[in-house]
PDB file of N, CA and C in Angstrom:
ATOM      1  N   MET A   1     -24.284  -6.267  11.307  1.00  0.00           N
ATOM      2  CA  MET A   1     -23.115  -6.790  10.792  1.00  0.00           C
ATOM      3  C   MET A   1     -21.923  -6.290  11.653  1.00  0.00           C
ATOM      4  N   LYS A   2     -21.036  -7.264  12.231  1.00  0.00           N
ATOM      5  CA  LYS A   2     -20.186  -7.311  13.188  1.00  0.00           C
ATOM      6  C   LYS A   2     -18.719  -6.524  12.560  1.00  0.00           C
ATOM      7  N   ILE A   3     -18.408  -5.494  13.167  1.00  0.00           N
ATOM      8  CA  ILE A   3     -17.122  -4.883  12.793  1.00  0.00           C
ATOM      9  C   ILE A   3     -16.002  -5.468  13.521  1.00  0.00           C
ATOM     10  N   ARG A   4     -15.214  -6.228  12.848  1.00  0.00           N
ATOM     11  CA  ARG A   4     -13.703  -6.749  13.389  1.00  0.00           C
ATOM     12  C   ARG A   4     -12.746  -5.849  13.627  1.00  0.00           C
ATOM     13  N   SER A   5     -11.936  -6.183  14.507  1.00  0.00           N
ATOM     14  CA  SER A   5     -10.761  -5.357  14.862  1.00  0.00           C
ATOM     15  C   SER A   5      -9.828  -5.433  13.943  1.00  0.00           C
ATOM     16  N   ARG A   6      -8.770  -4.308  14.216  1.00  0.00           N
ATOM     17  CA  ARG A   6      -7.732  -4.247  13.481  1.00  0.00           C
ATOM     18  C   ARG A   6      -6.650  -5.305  13.249  1.00  0.00           C
ATOM     19  N   ALA A   7      -6.475  -5.881  14.416  1.00  0.00           N
ATOM     20  CA  ALA A   7      -5.582  -7.002  14.652  1.00  0.00           C
ATOM     21  C   ALA A   7      -6.056  -7.934  13.874  1.00  0.00           C
ATOM     22  N   PHE A   8      -7.574  -8.388  13.567  1.00  0.00           N
ATOM     23  CA  PHE A   8      -7.881  -9.594  12.779  1.00  0.00           C
ATOM     24  C   PHE A   8      -7.487  -9.080  11.399  1.00  0.00           C
ATOM     25  N   TYR A   9      -7.440  -7.998  10.636  1.00  0.00           N
ATOM     26  CA  TYR A   9      -7.217  -7.712   9.501  1.00  0.00           C
ATOM     27  C   TYR A   9      -5.645  -7.735   9.498  1.00  0.00           C
ATOM     28  N   ALA A  10      -4.971  -7.252  10.379  1.00  0.00           N
ATOM     29  CA  ALA A  10      -3.499  -7.206  10.387  1.00  0.00           C
ATOM     30  C   ALA A  10      -3.100  -8.840  10.037  1.00  0.00           C
ATOM     31  N   SER A  11      -3.549  -9.660  10.990  1.00  0.00           N
ATOM     32  CA  SER A  11      -3.340 -11.160  10.961  1.00  0.00           C
ATOM     33  C   SER A  11      -3.734 -11.733   9.691  1.00  0.00           C
ATOM     34  N   LEU A  12      -4.951 -11.467   9.206  1.00  0.00           N
ATOM     35  CA  LEU A  12      -5.448 -11.915   7.675  1.00  0.00           C
ATOM     36  C   LEU A  12      -4.258 -11.436   6.642  1.00  0.00           C
ATOM     37  N   LEU A  13      -4.035 -10.197   6.745  1.00  0.00           N
ATOM     38  CA  LEU A  13      -2.852  -9.439   5.760  1.00  0.00           C
ATOM     39  C   LEU A  13      -1.647 -10.259   5.978  1.00  0.00           C
ATOM     40  N   SER A  14      -1.249 -10.490   6.938  1.00  0.00           N
ATOM     41  CA  SER A  14       0.175 -11.228   7.048  1.00  0.00           C
ATOM     42  C   SER A  14       0.034 -12.771   7.011  1.00  0.00           C
ATOM     43  N   ALA A  15      -1.208 -13.239   6.830  1.00  0.00           N
ATOM     44  CA  ALA A  15      -1.141 -14.393   6.424  1.00  0.00           C
ATOM     45  C   ALA A  15      -1.188 -14.682   5.024  1.00  0.00           C
ATOM     46  N   ALA A  16      -1.853 -13.797   4.224  1.00  0.00           N
ATOM     47  CA  ALA A  16      -1.757 -13.684   2.802  1.00  0.00           C
ATOM     48  C   ALA A  16      -0.675 -13.773   2.336  1.00  0.00           C
ATOM     49  N   MET A  17       0.281 -12.426   2.922  1.00  0.00           N
ATOM     50  CA  MET A  17       1.618 -12.268   2.550  1.00  0.00           C
ATOM     51  C   MET A  17       2.445 -13.381   2.648  1.00  0.00           C
ATOM     52  N   TRP A  18       2.256 -14.153   3.703  1.00  0.00           N
ATOM     53  CA  TRP A  18       3.157 -15.266   3.998  1.00  0.00           C
ATOM     54  C   TRP A  18       2.835 -16.449   2.883  1.00  0.00           C
ATOM     55  N   LEU A  19       1.712 -16.421   2.618  1.00  0.00           N
ATOM     56  CA  LEU A  19       1.342 -17.431   1.625  1.00  0.00           C
ATOM     57  C   LEU A  19       1.882 -17.183   0.129  1.00  0.00           C
ATOM     58  N   ILE A  20       1.794 -15.877  -0.044  1.00  0.00           N
ATOM     59  CA  ILE A  20       2.316 -15.357  -1.473  1.00  0.00           C
ATOM     60  C   ILE A  20       3.918 -15.623  -1.342  1.00  0.00           C
ATOM     61  N   ALA A  21       4.586 -15.133  -0.381  1.00  0.00           N
ATOM     62  CA  ALA A  21       5.880 -15.548  -0.240  1.00  0.00           C
ATOM     63  C   ALA A  21       6.184 -16.750  -0.513  1.00  0.00           C
ATOM     64  N   THR A  22       5.617 -17.888   0.119  1.00  0.00           N
ATOM     65  CA  THR A  22       5.745 -19.022   0.085  1.00  0.00           C
ATOM     66  C   THR A  22       5.399 -19.732  -1.620  1.00  0.00           C
ATOM     67  N   ALA A  23       4.745 -19.015  -2.079  1.00  0.00           N
ATOM     68  CA  ALA A  23       4.268 -19.564  -3.440  1.00  0.00           C
ATOM     69  C   ALA A  23       5.382 -19.312  -4.372  1.00  0.00           C
ATOM     70  N   VAL A  24       5.933 -17.808  -4.117  1.00  0.00           N
ATOM     71  CA  VAL A  24       7.192 -17.460  -4.914  1.00  0.00           C
ATOM     72  C   VAL A  24       8.428 -18.308  -4.936  1.00  0.00           C
ATOM     73  N   VAL A  25       8.512 -18.539  -3.318  1.00  0.00           N
ATOM     74  CA  VAL A  25       9.722 -19.724  -3.070  1.00  0.00           C
ATOM     75  C   VAL A  25       9.438 -20.831  -3.739  1.00  0.00           C
ATOM     76  N   VAL A  26       8.186 -21.363  -3.912  1.00  0.00           N
ATOM     77  CA  VAL A  26       8.002 -22.700  -4.566  1.00  0.00           C
ATOM     78  C   VAL A  26       8.158 -22.695  -5.892  1.00  0.00           C
ATOM     79  N   ALA A  27       7.797 -21.666  -6.466  1.00  0.00           N
ATOM     80  CA  ALA A  27       7.926 -21.284  -7.992  1.00  0.00           C
ATOM     81  C   ALA A  27       9.477 -21.009  -8.610  1.00  0.00           C
ATOM     82  N   GLU A  28      10.085 -20.573  -7.634  1.00  0.00           N
ATOM     83  CA  GLU A  28      11.587 -20.229  -7.833  1.00  0.00           C
ATOM     84  C   GLU A  28      12.123 -22.038  -7.740  1.00  0.00           C
ATOM     85  N   GLY A  29      11.712 -22.652  -7.163  1.00  0.00           N
ATOM     86  CA  GLY A  29      12.475 -24.111  -7.051  1.00  0.00           C
ATOM     87  C   GLY A  29      12.213 -24.801  -8.173  1.00  0.00           C
ATOM     88  N   ALA A  30      10.854 -24.704  -8.863  1.00  0.00           N
ATOM     89  CA  ALA A  30      10.486 -25.525  -9.909  1.00  0.00           C
ATOM     90  C   ALA A  30      11.255 -24.714 -11.003  1.00  0.00           C
ATOM     91  N   ALA A  31      12.401 -25.191 -11.343  1.00  0.00           N
ATOM     92  CA  ALA A  31      13.473 -24.542 -12.722  1.00  0.00           C
ATOM     93  C   ALA A  31      12.624 -24.894 -13.880  1.00  0.00           C
ATOM     94  N   ASP A  32      12.132 -26.330 -13.917  1.00  0.00           N
ATOM     95  CA  ASP A  32      11.816 -26.852 -15.070  1.00  0.00           C
ATOM     96  C   ASP A  32      10.573 -26.023 -15.805  1.00  0.00           C
ATOM     97  N   ASN A  33       9.878 -25.096 -14.919  1.00  0.00           N
ATOM     98  CA  ASN A  33       8.802 -24.217 -15.445  1.00  0.00           C
ATOM     99  C   ASN A  33       9.057 -22.627 -15.054  1.00  0.00           C
ATOM    100  N   GLU A  34       9.526 -22.204 -16.058  1.00  0.00           N
ATOM    101  CA  GLU A  34       9.916 -20.749 -15.692  1.00  0.00           C
ATOM    102  C   GLU A  34       9.043 -19.699 -15.934  1.00  0.00           C
ATOM    103  N   SER A  35       7.882 -20.047 -16.766  1.00  0.00           N
ATOM    104  CA  SER A  35       6.688 -19.441 -16.752  1.00  0.00           C
ATOM    105  C   SER A  35       5.986 -19.218 -15.880  1.00  0.00           C
ATOM    106  N   THR A  36       5.536 -20.344 -14.725  1.00  0.00           N
ATOM    107  CA  THR A  36       5.199 -20.132 -13.465  1.00  0.00           C
ATOM    108  C   THR A  36       6.169 -19.437 -12.501  1.00  0.00           C
ATOM    109  N   GLU A  37       7.345 -19.520 -12.634  1.00  0.00           N
ATOM    110  CA  GLU A  37       8.107 -18.520 -11.771  1.00  0.00           C
ATOM    111  C   GLU A  37       8.008 -17.029 -12.066  1.00  0.00           C
ATOM    112  N   ALA A  38       7.787 -16.800 -13.631  1.00  0.00           N
ATOM    113  CA  ALA A  38       7.853 -15.380 -13.901  1.00  0.00           C
ATOM    114  C   ALA A  38       6.315 -14.923 -13.534  1.00  0.00           C
ATOM    115  N   SER A  39       5.237 -15.553 -13.636  1.00  0.00           N
ATOM    116  CA  SER A  39       4.140 -15.251 -13.262  1.00  0.00           C
ATOM    117  C   SER A  39       3.722 -15.056 -11.901  1.00  0.00           C
ATOM    118  N   MET A  40       4.500 -15.854 -11.114  1.00  0.00           N
ATOM    119  CA  MET A  40       4.527 -15.482  -9.554  1.00  0.00           C
ATOM    120  C   MET A  40       4.954 -14.455  -9.113  1.00  0.00           C
ATOM    121  N   LYS A  41       6.241 -13.608  -9.985  1.00  0.00           N
ATOM    122  CA  LYS A  41       6.873 -12.882  -9.314  1.00  0.00           C
ATOM    123  C   LYS A  41       5.899 -11.569  -9.941  1.00  0.00           C
ATOM    124  N   PHE A  42       5.354 -11.531 -10.784  1.00  0.00           N
ATOM    125  CA  PHE A  42       4.488 -10.424 -11.228  1.00  0.00           C
ATOM    126  C   PHE A  42       3.091 -10.383 -10.390  1.00  0.00           C
ATOM    127  N   ILE A  43       2.711 -11.404 -10.151  1.00  0.00           N
ATOM    128  CA  ILE A  43       1.687 -11.530  -9.203  1.00  0.00           C
ATOM    129  C   ILE A  43       2.112 -10.991  -7.900  1.00  0.00           C
ATOM    130  N   ALA A  44       3.013 -11.321  -7.366  1.00  0.00           N
ATOM    131  CA  ALA A  44       3.721 -10.808  -6.132  1.00  0.00           C
ATOM    132  C   ALA A  44       3.890  -9.449  -6.207  1.00  0.00           C
ATOM    133  N   ALA A  45       4.486  -8.707  -7.306  1.00  0.00           N
ATOM    134  CA  ALA A  45       4.592  -7.248  -7.707  1.00  0.00           C
ATOM    135  C   ALA A  45       3.413  -6.627  -7.716  1.00  0.00           C
ATOM    136  N   GLY A  46       2.383  -7.216  -8.137  1.00  0.00           N
ATOM    137  CA  GLY A  46       0.945  -6.645  -8.105  1.00  0.00           C
ATOM    138  C   GLY A  46       0.404  -6.381  -6.919  1.00  0.00           C
ATOM    139  N   ILE A  47       0.311  -7.340  -6.174  1.00  0.00           N
ATOM    140  CA  ILE A  47      -0.214  -7.351  -4.829  1.00  0.00           C
ATOM    141  C   ILE A  47       0.859  -6.593  -3.747  1.00  0.00           C
ATOM    142  N   ALA A  48       2.154  -6.553  -3.890  1.00  0.00           N
ATOM    143  CA  ALA A  48       2.864  -5.415  -3.389  1.00  0.00           C
ATOM    144  C   ALA A  48       2.211  -4.011  -3.479  1.00  0.00           C
ATOM    145  N   MET A  49       1.784  -3.939  -4.719  1.00  0.00           N
ATOM    146  CA  MET A  49       1.593  -2.444  -4.955  1.00  0.00           C
ATOM    147  C   MET A  49       0.153  -2.021  -4.610  1.00  0.00           C
ATOM    148  N   GLY A  50      -0.691  -3.294  -4.816  1.00  0.00           N
ATOM    149  CA  GLY A  50      -2.087  -3.112  -3.958  1.00  0.00           C
ATOM    150  C   GLY A  50      -1.875  -2.582  -2.562  1.00  0.00           C
ATOM    151  N   VAL A  51      -1.249  -3.511  -2.003  1.00  0.00           N
ATOM    152  CA  VAL A  51      -1.290  -3.372  -0.504  1.00  0.00           C
ATOM    153  C   VAL A  51      -0.543  -2.229  -0.068  1.00  0.00           C
ATOM    154  N   GLY A  52       0.479  -1.908  -0.989  1.00  0.00           N
ATOM    155  CA  GLY A  52       1.329  -0.571  -0.464  1.00  0.00           C
ATOM    156  C   GLY A  52       0.902   0.547  -0.991  1.00  0.00           C
ATOM    157  N   GLY A  53      -0.403   0.481  -1.947  1.00  0.00           N
ATOM    158  CA  GLY A  53      -0.952   1.616  -2.109  1.00  0.00           C
ATOM    159  C   GLY A  53      -2.319   1.942  -1.554  1.00  0.00           C
ATOM    160  N   LEU A  54      -2.688   0.880  -0.724  1.00  0.00           N
ATOM    161  CA  LEU A  54      -3.784   0.969   0.050  1.00  0.00           C
ATOM    162  C   LEU A  54      -3.742   1.897   1.064  1.00  0.00           C
ATOM    163  N   GLY A  55      -3.066   1.737   2.028  1.00  0.00           N
ATOM    164  CA  GLY A  55      -2.690   2.656   3.128  1.00  0.00           C
ATOM    165  C   GLY A  55      -2.625   4.245   2.754  1.00  0.00           C
ATOM    166  N   PRO A  56      -1.697   4.326   1.890  1.00  0.00           N
ATOM    167  CA  PRO A  56      -1.662   5.886   1.445  1.00  0.00           C
ATOM    168  C   PRO A  56      -2.717   6.414   0.727  1.00  0.00           C
ATOM    169  N   ALA A  57      -3.740   5.648   0.223  1.00  0.00           N
ATOM    170  CA  ALA A  57      -4.846   6.167  -0.301  1.00  0.00           C
ATOM    171  C   ALA A  57      -5.770   6.334   0.750  1.00  0.00           C
ATOM    172  N   ILE A  58      -6.001   5.645   1.648  1.00  0.00           N
ATOM    173  CA  ILE A  58      -6.930   5.820   2.564  1.00  0.00           C
ATOM    174  C   ILE A  58      -6.478   7.181   3.772  1.00  0.00           C
ATOM    175  N   GLY A  59      -5.057   7.246   3.850  1.00  0.00           N
ATOM    176  CA  GLY A  59      -4.510   8.328   4.552  1.00  0.00           C
ATOM    177  C   GLY A  59      -4.633   9.634   3.970  1.00  0.00           C
ATOM    178  N   ILE A  60      -4.350   9.618   2.550  1.00  0.00           N
ATOM    179  CA  ILE A  60      -4.854  11.066   1.682  1.00  0.00           C
ATOM    180  C   ILE A  60      -6.473  11.348   1.875  1.00  0.00           C
ATOM    181  N   GLY A  61      -7.208  10.156   1.765  1.00  0.00           N
ATOM    182  CA  GLY A  61      -8.556  10.387   1.717  1.00  0.00           C
ATOM    183  C   GLY A  61      -9.020  11.072   3.125  1.00  0.00           C
ATOM    184  N   MET A  62      -8.429  10.530   4.045  1.00  0.00           N
ATOM    185  CA  MET A  62      -8.693  11.065   5.619  1.00  0.00           C
ATOM    186  C   MET A  62      -8.076  12.378   5.522  1.00  0.00           C
ATOM    187  N   LEU A  63      -6.981  12.931   5.128  1.00  0.00           N
ATOM    188  CA  LEU A  63      -6.360  14.127   5.359  1.00  0.00           C
ATOM    189  C   LEU A  63      -7.194  15.248   4.418  1.00  0.00           C
ATOM    190  N   GLY A  64      -7.548  14.772   3.455  1.00  0.00           N
ATOM    191  CA  GLY A  64      -8.406  15.735   2.585  1.00  0.00           C
ATOM    192  C   GLY A  64      -9.622  15.966   3.284  1.00  0.00           C
ATOM    193  N   SER A  65     -10.288  14.966   4.131  1.00  0.00           N
ATOM    194  CA  SER A  65     -11.658  15.123   4.716  1.00  0.00           C
ATOM    195  C   SER A  65     -11.251  15.925   5.752  1.00  0.00           C
ATOM    196  N   LYS A  66     -10.237  15.602   6.710  1.00  0.00           N
ATOM    197  CA  LYS A  66     -10.216  16.409   7.926  1.00  0.00           C
ATOM    198  C   LYS A  66      -9.976  18.066   7.637  1.00  0.00           C
ATOM    199  N   ALA A  67      -9.011  18.184   6.396  1.00  0.00           N
ATOM    200  CA  ALA A  67      -8.819  19.580   5.965  1.00  0.00           C
ATOM    201  C   ALA A  67      -9.927  20.226   5.686  1.00  0.00           C
ATOM    202  N   MET A  68     -10.874  19.836   5.184  1.00  0.00           N
ATOM    203  CA  MET A  68     -12.076  20.349   4.620  1.00  0.00           C
ATOM    204  C   MET A  68     -12.994  20.646   5.841  1.00  0.00           C
ATOM    205  N   GLU A  69     -12.757  19.923   6.866  1.00  0.00           N
ATOM    206  CA  GLU A  69     -13.672  19.991   8.133  1.00  0.00           C
ATOM    207  C   GLU A  69     -13.009  21.286   8.795  1.00  0.00           C
ATOM    208  N   ALA A  70     -11.498  21.402   8.840  1.00  0.00           N
ATOM    209  CA  ALA A  70     -10.955  22.417   9.520  1.00  0.00           C
ATOM    210  C   ALA A  70     -11.129  23.717   8.788  1.00  0.00           C
ATOM    211  N   LEU A  71     -11.080  23.728   7.508  1.00  0.00           N
ATOM    212  CA  LEU A  71     -11.623  24.805   6.823  1.00  0.00           C
ATOM    213  C   LEU A  71     -12.979  25.435   7.004  1.00  0.00           C
ATOM    214  N   GLY A  72     -13.893  24.388   7.085  1.00  0.00           N
ATOM    215  CA  GLY A  72     -15.305  24.650   7.438  1.00  0.00           C
ATOM    216  C   GLY A  72     -15.154  25.735   8.838  1.00  0.00           C
ATOM    217  N   ARG A  73     -14.619  24.879   9.812  1.00  0.00           N
ATOM    218  CA  ARG A  73     -14.774  25.515  11.333  1.00  0.00           C
ATOM    219  C   ARG A  73     -13.738  26.834  11.169  1.00  0.00           C
ATOM    220  N   ASN A  74     -12.849  26.843  10.754  1.00  0.00           N
ATOM    221  CA  ASN A  74     -11.914  28.041  10.750  1.00  0.00           C
ATOM    222  C   ASN A  74     -11.496  28.525   9.505  1.00  0.00           C
ATOM    223  N   PRO A  75     -12.124  29.356   8.699  1.00  0.00           N
ATOM    224  CA  PRO A  75     -11.700  29.727   7.276  1.00  0.00           C
ATOM    225  C   PRO A  75     -10.809  30.664   7.411  1.00  0.00           C
ATOM    226  N   GLU A  76     -10.234  31.325   8.393  1.00  0.00           N
ATOM    227  CA  GLU A  76      -9.077  32.476   8.478  1.00  0.00           C
ATOM    228  C   GLU A  76      -7.817  31.546   8.465  1.00  0.00           C
ATOM    229  N   ALA A  77      -7.714  30.120   8.895  1.00  0.00           N
ATOM    230  CA  ALA A  77      -6.396  29.380   9.009  1.00  0.00           C
ATOM    231  C   ALA A  77      -6.369  28.658   7.498  1.00  0.00           C
ATOM    232  N   ALA A  78      -6.968  29.152   6.548  1.00  0.00           N
ATOM    233  CA  ALA A  78      -6.842  28.454   5.419  1.00  0.00           C
ATOM    234  C   ALA A  78      -5.417  28.086   4.688  1.00  0.00           C
ATOM    235  N   GLY A  79      -4.598  29.074   5.151  1.00  0.00           N
ATOM    236  CA  GLY A  79      -3.108  28.892   4.495  1.00  0.00           C
ATOM    237  C   GLY A  79      -2.663  27.944   5.430  1.00  0.00           C
ATOM    238  N   VAL A  80      -2.645  28.056   6.485  1.00  0.00           N
ATOM    239  CA  VAL A  80      -1.580  27.199   7.446  1.00  0.00           C
ATOM    240  C   VAL A  80      -2.359  25.748   7.230  1.00  0.00           C
ATOM    241  N   ILE A  81      -3.634  25.612   7.198  1.00  0.00           N
ATOM    242  CA  ILE A  81      -4.236  23.973   6.892  1.00  0.00           C
ATOM    243  C   ILE A  81      -3.862  23.731   5.645  1.00  0.00           C
ATOM    244  N   GLN A  82      -3.700  24.493   4.695  1.00  0.00           N
ATOM    245  CA  GLN A  82      -3.750  23.869   3.253  1.00  0.00           C
ATOM    246  C   GLN A  82      -2.000  23.631   3.274  1.00  0.00           C
ATOM    247  N   THR A  83      -1.163  24.500   3.913  1.00  0.00           N
ATOM    248  CA  THR A  83       0.094  24.105   3.693  1.00  0.00           C
ATOM    249  C   THR A  83       0.480  22.812   4.178  1.00  0.00           C
ATOM    250  N   ASN A  84      -0.165  22.525   5.479  1.00  0.00           N
ATOM    251  CA  ASN A  84       0.160  21.420   6.504  1.00  0.00           C
ATOM    252  C   ASN A  84      -0.326  19.971   5.826  1.00  0.00           C
ATOM    253  N   MET A  85      -1.812  20.404   5.201  1.00  0.00           N
ATOM    254  CA  MET A  85      -2.475  19.150   4.420  1.00  0.00           C
ATOM    255  C   MET A  85      -1.544  18.760   3.269  1.00  0.00           C
ATOM    256  N   ILE A  86      -1.007  19.722   2.361  1.00  0.00           N
ATOM    257  CA  ILE A  86      -0.060  19.199   1.079  1.00  0.00           C
ATOM    258  C   ILE A  86       1.134  18.566   1.526  1.00  0.00           C
ATOM    259  N   LEU A  87       1.775  18.987   2.840  1.00  0.00           N
ATOM    260  CA  LEU A  87       3.088  18.253   3.425  1.00  0.00           C
ATOM    261  C   LEU A  87       2.674  16.880   3.614  1.00  0.00           C
ATOM    262  N   ALA A  88       1.571  16.717   4.440  1.00  0.00           N
ATOM    263  CA  ALA A  88       1.427  15.503   5.006  1.00  0.00           C
ATOM    264  C   ALA A  88       0.879  14.611   3.794  1.00  0.00           C
ATOM    265  N   ILE A  89       0.141  14.959   2.723  1.00  0.00           N
ATOM    266  CA  ILE A  89      -0.147  14.323   1.503  1.00  0.00           C
ATOM    267  C   ILE A  89       1.114  13.627   1.028  1.00  0.00           C
ATOM    268  N   ALA A  90       2.073  14.554   0.857  1.00  0.00           N
ATOM    269  CA  ALA A  90       3.608  14.487   0.192  1.00  0.00           C
ATOM    270  C   ALA A  90       4.175  13.206   0.946  1.00  0.00           C
ATOM    271  N   PHE A  91       4.097  13.072   2.413  1.00  0.00           N
ATOM    272  CA  PHE A  91       4.659  12.118   3.249  1.00  0.00           C
ATOM    273  C   PHE A  91       3.719  10.776   2.680  1.00  0.00           C
ATOM    274  N   ALA A  92       2.601  10.913   2.757  1.00  0.00           N
ATOM    275  CA  ALA A  92       1.889   9.662   2.628  1.00  0.00           C
ATOM    276  C   ALA A  92       1.824   9.159   1.079  1.00  0.00           C
ATOM    277  N   GLU A  93       2.100   9.809   0.305  1.00  0.00           N
ATOM    278  CA  GLU A  93       2.688   9.567  -1.169  1.00  0.00           C
ATOM    279  C   GLU A  93       3.912   8.979  -1.449  1.00  0.00           C
ATOM    280  N   ALA A  94       4.593   9.433  -0.716  1.00  0.00           N
ATOM    281  CA  ALA A  94       6.148   8.619  -0.453  1.00  0.00           C
ATOM    282  C   ALA A  94       5.822   7.219  -0.270  1.00  0.00           C
ATOM    283  N   VAL A  95       5.074   6.781   0.500  1.00  0.00           N
ATOM    284  CA  VAL A  95       5.168   5.481   0.972  1.00  0.00           C
ATOM    285  C   VAL A  95       4.503   4.773  -0.129  1.00  0.00           C
ATOM    286  N   ALA A  96       3.622   5.375  -1.060  1.00  0.00           N
ATOM    287  CA  ALA A  96       3.122   4.710  -2.133  1.00  0.00           C
ATOM    288  C   ALA A  96       4.310   4.379  -3.033  1.00  0.00           C
ATOM    289  N   ILE A  97       5.276   5.500  -3.318  1.00  0.00           N
ATOM    290  CA  ILE A  97       6.124   5.531  -4.291  1.00  0.00           C
ATOM    291  C   ILE A  97       7.110   4.345  -3.867  1.00  0.00           C
ATOM    292  N   TYR A  98       7.403   4.142  -2.656  1.00  0.00           N
ATOM    293  CA  TYR A  98       8.159   3.236  -2.161  1.00  0.00           C
ATOM    294  C   TYR A  98       7.453   1.867  -2.526  1.00  0.00           C
ATOM    295  N   ALA A  99       6.443   1.466  -2.495  1.00  0.00           N
ATOM    296  CA  ALA A  99       5.738   0.313  -2.584  1.00  0.00           C
ATOM    297  C   ALA A  99       5.789   0.137  -4.185  1.00  0.00           C
ATOM    298  N   LEU A 100       5.754   1.141  -5.058  1.00  0.00           N
ATOM    299  CA  LEU A 100       5.983   0.917  -6.565  1.00  0.00           C
ATOM    300  C   LEU A 100       7.593   0.567  -6.762  1.00  0.00           C
ATOM    301  N   VAL A 101       8.434   1.142  -6.206  1.00  0.00           N
ATOM    302  CA  VAL A 101       9.938   0.785  -6.268  1.00  0.00           C
ATOM    303  C   VAL A 101       9.940  -0.873  -5.817  1.00  0.00           C
ATOM    304  N   VAL A 102       9.310  -1.155  -4.850  1.00  0.00           N
ATOM    305  CA  VAL A 102       9.481  -2.442  -4.597  1.00  0.00           C
ATOM    306  C   VAL A 102       8.985  -3.403  -5.517  1.00  0.00           C
ATOM    307  N   ALA A 103       7.806  -3.233  -5.909  1.00  0.00           N
ATOM    308  CA  ALA A 103       6.989  -3.920  -6.858  1.00  0.00           C
ATOM    309  C   ALA A 103       7.794  -4.029  -8.165  1.00  0.00           C
ATOM    310  N   ILE A 104       8.286  -2.684  -8.747  1.00  0.00           N
ATOM    311  CA  ILE A 104       9.201  -3.067  -9.721  1.00  0.00           C
ATOM    312  C   ILE A 104      10.306  -3.720  -9.339  1.00  0.00           C
ATOM    313  N   LEU A 105      11.107  -3.782  -8.571  1.00  0.00           N
ATOM    314  CA  LEU A 105      12.130  -4.779  -8.000  1.00  0.00           C
ATOM    315  C   LEU A 105      12.043  -6.137  -8.120  1.00  0.00           C
ATOM    316  N   ILE A 106      10.527  -6.338  -7.426  1.00  0.00           N
ATOM    317  CA  ILE A 106      10.100  -7.676  -7.598  1.00  0.00           C
ATOM    318  C   ILE A 106       9.850  -8.243  -8.961  1.00  0.00           C
ATOM    319  N   GLY A 107       9.439  -7.482  -9.722  1.00  0.00           N
ATOM    320  CA  GLY A 107       8.946  -8.081 -11.136  1.00  0.00           C
ATOM    321  C   GLY A 107      10.342  -7.854 -11.756  1.00  0.00           C
ATOM    322  N   PHE A 108      11.104  -7.191 -11.743  1.00  0.00           N
ATOM    323  CA  PHE A 108      12.473  -7.235 -12.734  1.00  0.00           C
ATOM    324  C   PHE A 108      13.552  -7.365 -12.461  1.00  0.00           C
ATOM    325  N   VAL A 109      13.888  -7.521 -10.921  1.00  0.00           N
ATOM    326  CA  VAL A 109      15.256  -7.592 -10.593  1.00  0.00           C
ATOM    327  C   VAL A 109      15.400  -9.227  -9.959  1.00  0.00           C
ATOM    328  N   PHE A 110      14.344  -9.277  -9.161  1.00  0.00           N
ATOM    329  CA  PHE A 110      14.483 -10.728  -8.436  1.00  0.00           C
ATOM    330  C   PHE A 110      14.120 -11.750  -9.063  1.00  0.00           C
TER     331      PHE A 110
END
């Protein structure tokens, strides 16, 4: 199995987001079909939340994993490691909250 580079996945993601944005613009132009416009907005909001939650989920998983490795190697530094881990998880979770706010804005405001 060939492992693709990050640039490949980044370009794939940007192409998908461009297609979604184009579909939303086209749906907004179809004034005679309001259900299409509403459905495209909620699909865009769902994708925004899914993509926006993916990065923090991976980051929090990696943070927890590395913190457990650090605790296994140096149990005396448990307090410092735990404090730094919780702080980093809070920052990663803030990104997911921003994605949630954007998804709510897409769904109900625009």
